[in-house]
Amino acid sequence: TDNINGPTGLLIGAGKGVIRTMYCKGNSYADYLPVDVFINGI
C-alpha cells in the first residue's frame, strides 16, 4: 500500500501503542476489497 487510510492506519496506530480505545460495535463488519481484486474487476 502507499497510504495509511482505513484498517492499515488503525493497525499501525494500535501496534505502536498509541490507539488504545475505540467507540465501535465490535460484532459489526465493514466491507473491504483488496485493491488487486478490484483492479482485476475493472
PDB file of all heavy atoms in Angstrom:
ATOM      1  N   THR A   1       0.854  -1.173   0.000  1.00  0.00           N
ATOM      2  CA  THR A   1       0.000   0.000   0.000  1.00  0.00           C
ATOM      3  C   THR A   1       0.892   1.227   0.000  1.00  0.00           C
ATOM      4  O   THR A   1       2.093   1.128   0.270  1.00  0.00           O
ATOM      5  CB  THR A   1      -0.946   0.023   1.220  1.00  0.00           C
ATOM      6  OG1 THR A   1      -1.836   1.142   1.122  1.00  0.00           O
ATOM      7  CG2 THR A   1      -0.165   0.140   2.521  1.00  0.00           C
ATOM      8  N   ASP A   2       0.318   2.382  -0.307  1.00  0.00           N
ATOM      9  CA  ASP A   2       1.099   3.613  -0.268  1.00  0.00           C
ATOM     10  C   ASP A   2       0.482   4.638   0.678  1.00  0.00           C
ATOM     11  O   ASP A   2       0.833   5.822   0.624  1.00  0.00           O
ATOM     12  CB  ASP A   2       1.249   4.210  -1.675  1.00  0.00           C
ATOM     13  CG  ASP A   2      -0.076   4.687  -2.253  1.00  0.00           C
ATOM     14  OD1 ASP A   2      -1.128   4.445  -1.623  1.00  0.00           O
ATOM     15  OD2 ASP A   2      -0.068   5.314  -3.337  1.00  0.00           O
ATOM     16  N   ASN A   3      -0.437   4.191   1.545  1.00  0.00           N
ATOM     17  CA  ASN A   3      -1.092   5.127   2.462  1.00  0.00           C
ATOM     18  C   ASN A   3      -1.491   4.401   3.739  1.00  0.00           C
ATOM     19  O   ASN A   3      -1.402   3.171   3.830  1.00  0.00           O
ATOM     20  CB  ASN A   3      -2.319   5.757   1.794  1.00  0.00           C
ATOM     21  CG  ASN A   3      -3.374   4.724   1.440  1.00  0.00           C
ATOM     22  OD1 ASN A   3      -4.071   4.200   2.306  1.00  0.00           O
ATOM     23  ND2 ASN A   3      -3.504   4.412   0.154  1.00  0.00           N
ATOM     24  N   ILE A   4      -1.941   5.167   4.723  1.00  0.00           N
ATOM     25  CA  ILE A   4      -2.366   4.571   5.995  1.00  0.00           C
ATOM     26  C   ILE A   4      -3.859   4.799   6.216  1.00  0.00           C
ATOM     27  O   ILE A   4      -4.324   4.881   7.353  1.00  0.00           O
ATOM     28  CB  ILE A   4      -1.553   5.125   7.188  1.00  0.00           C
ATOM     29  CG1 ILE A   4      -1.671   6.658   7.265  1.00  0.00           C
ATOM     30  CG2 ILE A   4      -0.099   4.693   7.090  1.00  0.00           C
ATOM     31  CD1 ILE A   4      -1.073   7.233   8.542  1.00  0.00           C
ATOM     32  N   ASN A   5      -4.610   4.888   5.127  1.00  0.00           N
ATOM     33  CA  ASN A   5      -6.053   5.020   5.256  1.00  0.00           C
ATOM     34  C   ASN A   5      -6.666   3.692   5.681  1.00  0.00           C
ATOM     35  O   ASN A   5      -6.116   2.622   5.434  1.00  0.00           O
ATOM     36  CB  ASN A   5      -6.667   5.456   3.912  1.00  0.00           C
ATOM     37  CG  ASN A   5      -6.177   6.820   3.480  1.00  0.00           C
ATOM     38  OD1 ASN A   5      -5.850   7.659   4.308  1.00  0.00           O
ATOM     39  ND2 ASN A   5      -6.113   7.049   2.178  1.00  0.00           N
ATOM     40  N   GLY A   6      -7.830   3.770   6.322  1.00  0.00           N
ATOM     41  CA  GLY A   6      -8.588   2.571   6.651  1.00  0.00           C
ATOM     42  C   GLY A   6      -7.911   1.679   7.674  1.00  0.00           C
ATOM     43  O   GLY A   6      -7.218   2.152   8.588  1.00  0.00           O
ATOM     44  N   PRO A   7      -8.066   0.352   7.514  1.00  0.00           N
ATOM     45  CA  PRO A   7      -7.561  -0.602   8.506  1.00  0.00           C
ATOM     46  C   PRO A   7      -6.056  -0.543   8.714  1.00  0.00           C
ATOM     47  O   PRO A   7      -5.579  -0.815   9.812  1.00  0.00           O
ATOM     48  CB  PRO A   7      -7.980  -1.964   7.933  1.00  0.00           C
ATOM     49  CG  PRO A   7      -9.106  -1.669   7.018  1.00  0.00           C
ATOM     50  CD  PRO A   7      -8.836  -0.316   6.445  1.00  0.00           C
ATOM     51  N   THR A   8      -5.301  -0.194   7.660  1.00  0.00           N
ATOM     52  CA  THR A   8      -3.843  -0.132   7.803  1.00  0.00           C
ATOM     53  C   THR A   8      -3.443   0.882   8.860  1.00  0.00           C
ATOM     54  O   THR A   8      -2.614   0.607   9.739  1.00  0.00           O
ATOM     55  CB  THR A   8      -3.182   0.213   6.460  1.00  0.00           C
ATOM     56  OG1 THR A   8      -3.548  -0.750   5.477  1.00  0.00           O
ATOM     57  CG2 THR A   8      -1.671   0.249   6.604  1.00  0.00           C
ATOM     58  N   GLY A   9      -4.022   2.071   8.796  1.00  0.00           N
ATOM     59  CA  GLY A   9      -3.721   3.097   9.798  1.00  0.00           C
ATOM     60  C   GLY A   9      -4.145   2.688  11.185  1.00  0.00           C
ATOM     61  O   GLY A   9      -3.447   2.965  12.173  1.00  0.00           O
ATOM     62  N   LEU A  10      -5.282   1.999  11.265  1.00  0.00           N
ATOM     63  CA  LEU A  10      -5.772   1.525  12.561  1.00  0.00           C
ATOM     64  C   LEU A  10      -4.805   0.507  13.168  1.00  0.00           C
ATOM     65  O   LEU A  10      -4.465   0.579  14.359  1.00  0.00           O
ATOM     66  CB  LEU A  10      -7.156   0.905  12.381  1.00  0.00           C
ATOM     67  CG  LEU A  10      -7.866   0.411  13.632  1.00  0.00           C
ATOM     68  CD1 LEU A  10      -8.122   1.538  14.610  1.00  0.00           C
ATOM     69  CD2 LEU A  10      -9.181  -0.272  13.254  1.00  0.00           C
ATOM     70  N   LEU A  11      -4.331  -0.435  12.352  1.00  0.00           N
ATOM     71  CA  LEU A  11      -3.406  -1.449  12.845  1.00  0.00           C
ATOM     72  C   LEU A  11      -2.064  -0.835  13.239  1.00  0.00           C
ATOM     73  O   LEU A  11      -1.456  -1.239  14.240  1.00  0.00           O
ATOM     74  CB  LEU A  11      -3.197  -2.535  11.785  1.00  0.00           C
ATOM     75  CG  LEU A  11      -4.407  -3.431  11.490  1.00  0.00           C
ATOM     76  CD1 LEU A  11      -4.120  -4.362  10.323  1.00  0.00           C
ATOM     77  CD2 LEU A  11      -4.809  -4.237  12.717  1.00  0.00           C
ATOM     78  N   ILE A  12      -1.600   0.149  12.471  1.00  0.00           N
ATOM     79  CA  ILE A  12      -0.340   0.806  12.821  1.00  0.00           C
ATOM     80  C   ILE A  12      -0.488   1.570  14.130  1.00  0.00           C
ATOM     81  O   ILE A  12       0.358   1.489  15.028  1.00  0.00           O
ATOM     82  CB  ILE A  12       0.117   1.748  11.690  1.00  0.00           C
ATOM     83  CG1 ILE A  12       0.580   0.931  10.474  1.00  0.00           C
ATOM     84  CG2 ILE A  12       1.252   2.657  12.173  1.00  0.00           C
ATOM     85  CD1 ILE A  12       0.940   1.778   9.272  1.00  0.00           C
ATOM     86  N   GLY A  13      -1.589   2.332  14.264  1.00  0.00           N
ATOM     87  CA  GLY A  13      -1.820   3.095  15.490  1.00  0.00           C
ATOM     88  C   GLY A  13      -1.916   2.207  16.710  1.00  0.00           C
ATOM     89  O   GLY A  13      -1.337   2.509  17.768  1.00  0.00           O
ATOM     90  N   ALA A  14      -2.646   1.097  16.567  1.00  0.00           N
ATOM     91  CA  ALA A  14      -2.765   0.162  17.690  1.00  0.00           C
ATOM     92  C   ALA A  14      -1.434  -0.535  17.946  1.00  0.00           C
ATOM     93  O   ALA A  14      -1.046  -0.749  19.105  1.00  0.00           O
ATOM     94  CB  ALA A  14      -3.859  -0.860  17.397  1.00  0.00           C
ATOM     95  N   GLY A  15      -0.726  -0.880  16.864  1.00  0.00           N
ATOM     96  CA  GLY A  15       0.552  -1.579  17.010  1.00  0.00           C
ATOM     97  C   GLY A  15       1.629  -0.730  17.643  1.00  0.00           C
ATOM     98  O   GLY A  15       2.534  -1.248  18.311  1.00  0.00           O
ATOM     99  N   LYS A  16       1.555   0.580  17.463  1.00  0.00           N
ATOM    100  CA  LYS A  16       2.505   1.493  18.098  1.00  0.00           C
ATOM    101  C   LYS A  16       2.127   1.781  19.555  1.00  0.00           C
ATOM    102  O   LYS A  16       2.877   2.463  20.266  1.00  0.00           O
ATOM    103  CB  LYS A  16       2.568   2.809  17.327  1.00  0.00           C
ATOM    104  CG  LYS A  16       3.233   2.715  15.961  1.00  0.00           C
ATOM    105  CD  LYS A  16       4.737   2.605  16.062  1.00  0.00           C
ATOM    106  CE  LYS A  16       5.396   2.706  14.697  1.00  0.00           C
ATOM    107  NZ  LYS A  16       6.886   2.615  14.764  1.00  0.00           N
ATOM    108  N   GLY A  17       0.952   1.279  19.972  1.00  0.00           N
ATOM    109  CA  GLY A  17       0.512   1.522  21.347  1.00  0.00           C
ATOM    110  C   GLY A  17      -0.115   2.879  21.540  1.00  0.00           C
ATOM    111  O   GLY A  17      -0.334   3.306  22.679  1.00  0.00           O
ATOM    112  N   VAL A  18      -0.429   3.581  20.420  1.00  0.00           N
ATOM    113  CA  VAL A  18      -0.998   4.923  20.514  1.00  0.00           C
ATOM    114  C   VAL A  18      -2.519   4.866  20.638  1.00  0.00           C
ATOM    115  O   VAL A  18      -3.122   5.585  21.432  1.00  0.00           O
ATOM    116  CB  VAL A  18      -0.584   5.763  19.290  1.00  0.00           C
ATOM    117  CG1 VAL A  18      -1.254   7.131  19.317  1.00  0.00           C
ATOM    118  CG2 VAL A  18       0.934   5.926  19.246  1.00  0.00           C
ATOM    119  N   ILE A  19      -3.153   4.005  19.848  1.00  0.00           N
ATOM    120  CA  ILE A  19      -4.610   3.843  19.907  1.00  0.00           C
ATOM    121  C   ILE A  19      -4.935   2.713  20.883  1.00  0.00           C
ATOM    122  O   ILE A  19      -4.550   1.559  20.658  1.00  0.00           O
ATOM    123  CB  ILE A  19      -5.191   3.526  18.514  1.00  0.00           C
ATOM    124  CG1 ILE A  19      -4.914   4.675  17.544  1.00  0.00           C
ATOM    125  CG2 ILE A  19      -6.694   3.267  18.610  1.00  0.00           C
ATOM    126  CD1 ILE A  19      -5.380   4.397  16.123  1.00  0.00           C
ATOM    127  N   ARG A  20      -5.666   3.052  21.965  1.00  0.00           N
ATOM    128  CA  ARG A  20      -5.967   2.057  22.985  1.00  0.00           C
ATOM    129  C   ARG A  20      -7.455   1.945  23.285  1.00  0.00           C
ATOM    130  O   ARG A  20      -7.866   1.123  24.095  1.00  0.00           O
ATOM    131  CB  ARG A  20      -5.207   2.374  24.274  1.00  0.00           C
ATOM    132  CG  ARG A  20      -3.697   2.510  24.068  1.00  0.00           C
ATOM    133  CD  ARG A  20      -2.948   2.644  25.363  1.00  0.00           C
ATOM    134  NE  ARG A  20      -3.009   1.432  26.158  1.00  0.00           N
ATOM    135  CZ  ARG A  20      -2.256   0.359  25.964  1.00  0.00           C
ATOM    136  NH1 ARG A  20      -1.402   0.326  24.959  1.00  0.00           N
ATOM    137  NH2 ARG A  20      -2.362  -0.687  26.746  1.00  0.00           N
ATOM    138  N   THR A  21      -8.244   2.767  22.632  1.00  0.00           N
ATOM    139  CA  THR A  21      -9.686   2.664  22.801  1.00  0.00           C
ATOM    140  C   THR A  21     -10.382   3.164  21.547  1.00  0.00           C
ATOM    141  O   THR A  21      -9.896   4.083  20.875  1.00  0.00           O
ATOM    142  CB  THR A  21     -10.183   3.454  24.027  1.00  0.00           C
ATOM    143  OG1 THR A  21     -11.615   3.339  24.123  1.00  0.00           O
ATOM    144  CG2 THR A  21      -9.825   4.930  23.922  1.00  0.00           C
ATOM    145  N   MET A  22     -11.505   2.511  21.197  1.00  0.00           N
ATOM    146  CA  MET A  22     -12.315   2.926  20.055  1.00  0.00           C
ATOM    147  C   MET A  22     -13.782   2.765  20.426  1.00  0.00           C
ATOM    148  O   MET A  22     -14.150   1.808  21.125  1.00  0.00           O
ATOM    149  CB  MET A  22     -12.038   2.037  18.830  1.00  0.00           C
ATOM    150  CG  MET A  22     -10.733   2.260  18.139  1.00  0.00           C
ATOM    151  SD  MET A  22     -10.493   1.001  16.850  1.00  0.00           S
ATOM    152  CE  MET A  22     -12.052   1.094  15.970  1.00  0.00           C
ATOM    153  N   TYR A  23     -14.588   3.707  19.961  1.00  0.00           N
ATOM    154  CA  TYR A  23     -16.027   3.569  20.104  1.00  0.00           C
ATOM    155  C   TYR A  23     -16.538   2.841  18.871  1.00  0.00           C
ATOM    156  O   TYR A  23     -16.547   3.386  17.770  1.00  0.00           O
ATOM    157  CB  TYR A  23     -16.682   4.942  20.241  1.00  0.00           C
ATOM    158  CG  TYR A  23     -18.191   4.912  20.222  1.00  0.00           C
ATOM    159  CD1 TYR A  23     -18.896   4.114  21.119  1.00  0.00           C
ATOM    160  CD2 TYR A  23     -18.912   5.684  19.319  1.00  0.00           C
ATOM    161  CE1 TYR A  23     -20.275   4.085  21.109  1.00  0.00           C
ATOM    162  CE2 TYR A  23     -20.299   5.662  19.300  1.00  0.00           C
ATOM    163  CZ  TYR A  23     -20.979   4.857  20.197  1.00  0.00           C
ATOM    164  OH  TYR A  23     -22.353   4.823  20.185  1.00  0.00           O
ATOM    165  N   CYS A  24     -16.934   1.577  19.052  1.00  0.00           N
ATOM    166  CA  CYS A  24     -17.227   0.743  17.891  1.00  0.00           C
ATOM    167  C   CYS A  24     -18.047  -0.470  18.312  1.00  0.00           C
ATOM    168  O   CYS A  24     -17.823  -1.046  19.382  1.00  0.00           O
ATOM    169  CB  CYS A  24     -15.905   0.279  17.265  1.00  0.00           C
ATOM    170  SG  CYS A  24     -16.088  -0.898  15.918  1.00  0.00           S
ATOM    171  N   LYS A  25     -18.977  -0.864  17.473  1.00  0.00           N
ATOM    172  CA  LYS A  25     -19.696  -2.116  17.665  1.00  0.00           C
ATOM    173  C   LYS A  25     -18.814  -3.246  17.148  1.00  0.00           C
ATOM    174  O   LYS A  25     -18.712  -3.471  15.948  1.00  0.00           O
ATOM    175  CB  LYS A  25     -21.033  -2.095  16.926  1.00  0.00           C
ATOM    176  CG  LYS A  25     -22.028  -1.075  17.475  1.00  0.00           C
ATOM    177  CD  LYS A  25     -23.319  -1.090  16.660  1.00  0.00           C
ATOM    178  CE  LYS A  25     -24.306  -0.054  17.196  1.00  0.00           C
ATOM    179  NZ  LYS A  25     -25.549  -0.013  16.377  1.00  0.00           N
ATOM    180  N   GLY A  26     -18.199  -3.955  18.068  1.00  0.00           N
ATOM    181  CA  GLY A  26     -17.201  -4.942  17.695  1.00  0.00           C
ATOM    182  C   GLY A  26     -17.729  -6.089  16.866  1.00  0.00           C
ATOM    183  O   GLY A  26     -16.988  -6.709  16.098  1.00  0.00           O
ATOM    184  N   ASN A  27     -19.042  -6.399  16.984  1.00  0.00           N
ATOM    185  CA  ASN A  27     -19.591  -7.521  16.236  1.00  0.00           C
ATOM    186  C   ASN A  27     -20.097  -7.119  14.855  1.00  0.00           C
ATOM    187  O   ASN A  27     -20.577  -7.957  14.093  1.00  0.00           O
ATOM    188  CB  ASN A  27     -20.722  -8.183  17.025  1.00  0.00           C
ATOM    189  CG  ASN A  27     -21.862  -7.220  17.318  1.00  0.00           C
ATOM    190  OD1 ASN A  27     -21.729  -6.021  17.093  1.00  0.00           O
ATOM    191  ND2 ASN A  27     -22.967  -7.740  17.815  1.00  0.00           N
ATOM    192  N   SER A  28     -20.009  -5.829  14.510  1.00  0.00           N
ATOM    193  CA  SER A  28     -20.396  -5.397  13.165  1.00  0.00           C
ATOM    194  C   SER A  28     -19.190  -5.534  12.238  1.00  0.00           C
ATOM    195  O   SER A  28     -18.067  -5.753  12.678  1.00  0.00           O
ATOM    196  CB  SER A  28     -20.902  -3.953  13.187  1.00  0.00           C
ATOM    197  OG  SER A  28     -19.860  -3.059  13.530  1.00  0.00           O
ATOM    198  N   TYR A  29     -19.440  -5.403  10.959  1.00  0.00           N
ATOM    199  CA  TYR A  29     -18.358  -5.584   9.991  1.00  0.00           C
ATOM    200  C   TYR A  29     -18.448  -4.512   8.910  1.00  0.00           C
ATOM    201  O   TYR A  29     -19.514  -3.965   8.629  1.00  0.00           O
ATOM    202  CB  TYR A  29     -18.439  -6.976   9.349  1.00  0.00           C
ATOM    203  CG  TYR A  29     -19.741  -7.242   8.625  1.00  0.00           C
ATOM    204  CD1 TYR A  29     -19.906  -6.897   7.293  1.00  0.00           C
ATOM    205  CD2 TYR A  29     -20.821  -7.831   9.285  1.00  0.00           C
ATOM    206  CE1 TYR A  29     -21.099  -7.107   6.634  1.00  0.00           C
ATOM    207  CE2 TYR A  29     -22.017  -8.053   8.639  1.00  0.00           C
ATOM    208  CZ  TYR A  29     -22.156  -7.698   7.313  1.00  0.00           C
ATOM    209  OH  TYR A  29     -23.342  -7.908   6.663  1.00  0.00           O
ATOM    210  N   ALA A  30     -17.315  -4.209   8.344  1.00  0.00           N
ATOM    211  CA  ALA A  30     -17.261  -3.338   7.171  1.00  0.00           C
ATOM    212  C   ALA A  30     -16.974  -4.211   5.955  1.00  0.00           C
ATOM    213  O   ALA A  30     -16.609  -5.381   6.088  1.00  0.00           O
ATOM    214  CB  ALA A  30     -16.193  -2.279   7.342  1.00  0.00           C
ATOM    215  N   ASP A  31     -17.163  -3.649   4.802  1.00  0.00           N
ATOM    216  CA  ASP A  31     -16.908  -4.389   3.564  1.00  0.00           C
ATOM    217  C   ASP A  31     -15.588  -3.908   2.970  1.00  0.00           C
ATOM    218  O   ASP A  31     -15.442  -2.743   2.622  1.00  0.00           O
ATOM    219  CB  ASP A  31     -18.057  -4.166   2.573  1.00  0.00           C
ATOM    220  CG  ASP A  31     -18.030  -5.177   1.437  1.00  0.00           C
ATOM    221  OD1 ASP A  31     -17.038  -5.173   0.675  1.00  0.00           O
ATOM    222  OD2 ASP A  31     -18.981  -5.965   1.321  1.00  0.00           O
ATOM    223  N   TYR A  32     -14.624  -4.819   2.892  1.00  0.00           N
ATOM    224  CA  TYR A  32     -13.292  -4.490   2.392  1.00  0.00           C
ATOM    225  C   TYR A  32     -13.031  -5.190   1.069  1.00  0.00           C
ATOM    226  O   TYR A  32     -13.558  -6.279   0.798  1.00  0.00           O
ATOM    227  CB  TYR A  32     -12.218  -4.924   3.394  1.00  0.00           C
ATOM    228  CG  TYR A  32     -12.298  -4.221   4.715  1.00  0.00           C
ATOM    229  CD1 TYR A  32     -12.608  -4.915   5.887  1.00  0.00           C
ATOM    230  CD2 TYR A  32     -12.076  -2.852   4.804  1.00  0.00           C
ATOM    231  CE1 TYR A  32     -12.679  -4.273   7.105  1.00  0.00           C
ATOM    232  CE2 TYR A  32     -12.146  -2.202   6.017  1.00  0.00           C
ATOM    233  CZ  TYR A  32     -12.451  -2.918   7.161  1.00  0.00           C
ATOM    234  OH  TYR A  32     -12.518  -2.266   8.368  1.00  0.00           O
ATOM    235  N   LEU A  33     -12.186  -4.579   0.241  1.00  0.00           N
ATOM    236  CA  LEU A  33     -11.845  -5.160  -1.049  1.00  0.00           C
ATOM    237  C   LEU A  33     -10.369  -4.909  -1.339  1.00  0.00           C
ATOM    238  O   LEU A  33      -9.956  -3.751  -1.488  1.00  0.00           O
ATOM    239  CB  LEU A  33     -12.702  -4.515  -2.145  1.00  0.00           C
ATOM    240  CG  LEU A  33     -12.710  -5.212  -3.498  1.00  0.00           C
ATOM    241  CD1 LEU A  33     -13.414  -6.557  -3.405  1.00  0.00           C
ATOM    242  CD2 LEU A  33     -13.394  -4.332  -4.540  1.00  0.00           C
ATOM    243  N   PRO A  34      -9.545  -5.960  -1.389  1.00  0.00           N
ATOM    244  CA  PRO A  34      -8.137  -5.760  -1.752  1.00  0.00           C
ATOM    245  C   PRO A  34      -8.030  -5.080  -3.112  1.00  0.00           C
ATOM    246  O   PRO A  34      -8.784  -5.381  -4.044  1.00  0.00           O
ATOM    247  CB  PRO A  34      -7.580  -7.189  -1.782  1.00  0.00           C
ATOM    248  CG  PRO A  34      -8.455  -7.946  -0.832  1.00  0.00           C
ATOM    249  CD  PRO A  34      -9.829  -7.361  -1.019  1.00  0.00           C
ATOM    250  N   VAL A  35      -7.093  -4.167  -3.226  1.00  0.00           N
ATOM    251  CA  VAL A  35      -7.009  -3.333  -4.422  1.00  0.00           C
ATOM    252  C   VAL A  35      -6.738  -4.159  -5.670  1.00  0.00           C
ATOM    253  O   VAL A  35      -7.256  -3.848  -6.764  1.00  0.00           O
ATOM    254  CB  VAL A  35      -5.948  -2.220  -4.239  1.00  0.00           C
ATOM    255  CG1 VAL A  35      -4.551  -2.802  -4.059  1.00  0.00           C
ATOM    256  CG2 VAL A  35      -5.993  -1.231  -5.391  1.00  0.00           C
ATOM    257  N   ASP A  36      -5.944  -5.235  -5.565  1.00  0.00           N
ATOM    258  CA  ASP A  36      -5.674  -6.054  -6.751  1.00  0.00           C
ATOM    259  C   ASP A  36      -6.937  -6.763  -7.230  1.00  0.00           C
ATOM    260  O   ASP A  36      -7.127  -6.967  -8.429  1.00  0.00           O
ATOM    261  CB  ASP A  36      -4.548  -7.052  -6.496  1.00  0.00           C
ATOM    262  CG  ASP A  36      -4.767  -7.924  -5.271  1.00  0.00           C
ATOM    263  OD1 ASP A  36      -5.323  -7.421  -4.277  1.00  0.00           O
ATOM    264  OD2 ASP A  36      -4.371  -9.109  -5.277  1.00  0.00           O
ATOM    265  N   VAL A  37      -7.817  -7.131  -6.297  1.00  0.00           N
ATOM    266  CA  VAL A  37      -9.079  -7.753  -6.679  1.00  0.00           C
ATOM    267  C   VAL A  37      -9.942  -6.763  -7.451  1.00  0.00           C
ATOM    268  O   VAL A  37     -10.564  -7.102  -8.471  1.00  0.00           O
ATOM    269  CB  VAL A  37      -9.827  -8.272  -5.429  1.00  0.00           C
ATOM    270  CG1 VAL A  37     -11.231  -8.755  -5.786  1.00  0.00           C
ATOM    271  CG2 VAL A  37      -9.037  -9.397  -4.761  1.00  0.00           C
ATOM    272  N   PHE A  38      -9.970  -5.508  -6.990  1.00  0.00           N
ATOM    273  CA  PHE A  38     -10.785  -4.522  -7.697  1.00  0.00           C
ATOM    274  C   PHE A  38     -10.214  -4.202  -9.071  1.00  0.00           C
ATOM    275  O   PHE A  38     -10.969  -4.046 -10.043  1.00  0.00           O
ATOM    276  CB  PHE A  38     -10.913  -3.231  -6.880  1.00  0.00           C
ATOM    277  CG  PHE A  38     -11.714  -2.182  -7.588  1.00  0.00           C
ATOM    278  CD1 PHE A  38     -13.011  -2.444  -7.998  1.00  0.00           C
ATOM    279  CD2 PHE A  38     -11.167  -0.941  -7.882  1.00  0.00           C
ATOM    280  CE1 PHE A  38     -13.761  -1.488  -8.686  1.00  0.00           C
ATOM    281  CE2 PHE A  38     -11.909   0.015  -8.556  1.00  0.00           C
ATOM    282  CZ  PHE A  38     -13.205  -0.253  -8.956  1.00  0.00           C
ATOM    283  N   ILE A  39      -8.894  -4.100  -9.190  1.00  0.00           N
ATOM    284  CA  ILE A  39      -8.286  -3.831 -10.499  1.00  0.00           C
ATOM    285  C   ILE A  39      -8.599  -4.970 -11.458  1.00  0.00           C
ATOM    286  O   ILE A  39      -8.910  -4.743 -12.641  1.00  0.00           O
ATOM    287  CB  ILE A  39      -6.766  -3.622 -10.361  1.00  0.00           C
ATOM    288  CG1 ILE A  39      -6.470  -2.384  -9.507  1.00  0.00           C
ATOM    289  CG2 ILE A  39      -6.109  -3.512 -11.728  1.00  0.00           C
ATOM    290  CD1 ILE A  39      -7.181  -1.119  -9.939  1.00  0.00           C
ATOM    291  N   ASN A  40      -8.544  -6.204 -10.964  1.00  0.00           N
ATOM    292  CA  ASN A  40      -8.962  -7.329 -11.792  1.00  0.00           C
ATOM    293  C   ASN A  40     -10.414  -7.153 -12.227  1.00  0.00           C
ATOM    294  O   ASN A  40     -10.785  -7.456 -13.371  1.00  0.00           O
ATOM    295  CB  ASN A  40      -8.809  -8.639 -11.026  1.00  0.00           C
ATOM    296  CG  ASN A  40      -7.361  -9.004 -10.767  1.00  0.00           C
ATOM    297  OD1 ASN A  40      -6.458  -8.536 -11.472  1.00  0.00           O
ATOM    298  ND2 ASN A  40      -7.117  -9.821  -9.757  1.00  0.00           N
ATOM    299  N   GLY A  41     -11.240  -6.663 -11.294  1.00  0.00           N
ATOM    300  CA  GLY A  41     -12.641  -6.433 -11.605  1.00  0.00           C
ATOM    301  C   GLY A  41     -12.831  -5.396 -12.698  1.00  0.00           C
ATOM    302  O   GLY A  41     -13.713  -5.542 -13.557  1.00  0.00           O
ATOM    303  N   ILE A  42     -12.029  -4.328 -12.680  1.00  0.00           N
ATOM    304  CA  ILE A  42     -12.107  -3.317 -13.741  1.00  0.00           C
ATOM    305  C   ILE A  42     -11.858  -3.962 -15.097  1.00  0.00           C
ATOM    306  O   ILE A  42     -12.600  -3.739 -16.070  1.00  0.00           O
ATOM    307  CB  ILE A  42     -11.084  -2.187 -13.490  1.00  0.00           C
ATOM    308  CG1 ILE A  42     -11.468  -1.369 -12.247  1.00  0.00           C
ATOM    309  CG2 ILE A  42     -10.980  -1.272 -14.718  1.00  0.00           C
ATOM    310  CD1 ILE A  42     -10.441  -0.298 -11.883  1.00  0.00           C
TER     311      ILE A  42
END
